[in-house]
Amino acid sequence: FLFIAIAILFSVALTGNITLILLIRMDPRLHTPMYFLLSQLSFIDMMYISTTVPKMAVNFLSNSKTITFLGCGIQTFVFTVLGGTEALLLGFMSYDRYVAICHPLRYPVLMSKRICWFTVTCAWTSSSLNSLIHTVYVFQLPFCPSRLINHFFCEVPSLLPLVCQHTSQYEHTI
């Protein structure tokens, strides 16, 4: 029963996000910076659920609740990229609204299509670089023999208790 509920919610979320992205792309009235950024957030949401939910659903169906080391690394990297990009895009969206309200006459210049693409590219690039650094750092640490993660997906905070060395200094940076 739980698998069916998760599958339905997963399908609804994917359908909703795809619909939103398509509507924004197809309607010329929605070709504004705010809707462009909203479509990016919808894409991130689709990627979030596609990163964690399928593996979680498989775990519900099977008795084996394992993930490979590489799979865990990929999941950690993607999840961290998405989190960083989402945070930056939300910041850019607040800037967009600030400019629209406080500087409406300069809005077309300050939030041009070129600037929007630049901010989105910067968000994805910087988040990818940040995620790569964190993922590589964590996965080069020595792990203890017990590699049981008490979590339904791999992320940096759930991996740190498995490390066999002192990580408190690193924990303060994340």
Foldseek 3Di string as FASTA:
>chain_A
DVLVVLVVVLVVLLVVLVVLLVVCVPDPVNPFLLSVLVNVLSVLSNQLCVLFSVLLSVVVVDVDNDDDPVSQLVSQLSNQLSVQLVVQSVVVNVVLVCCCPVPVVCNCVVRPPVVSVVSSVCSNVVSNVVSVVLSVVLSVAAFDPDQDFPDRGHHRVSRVVRGPDDCVVVVVVD
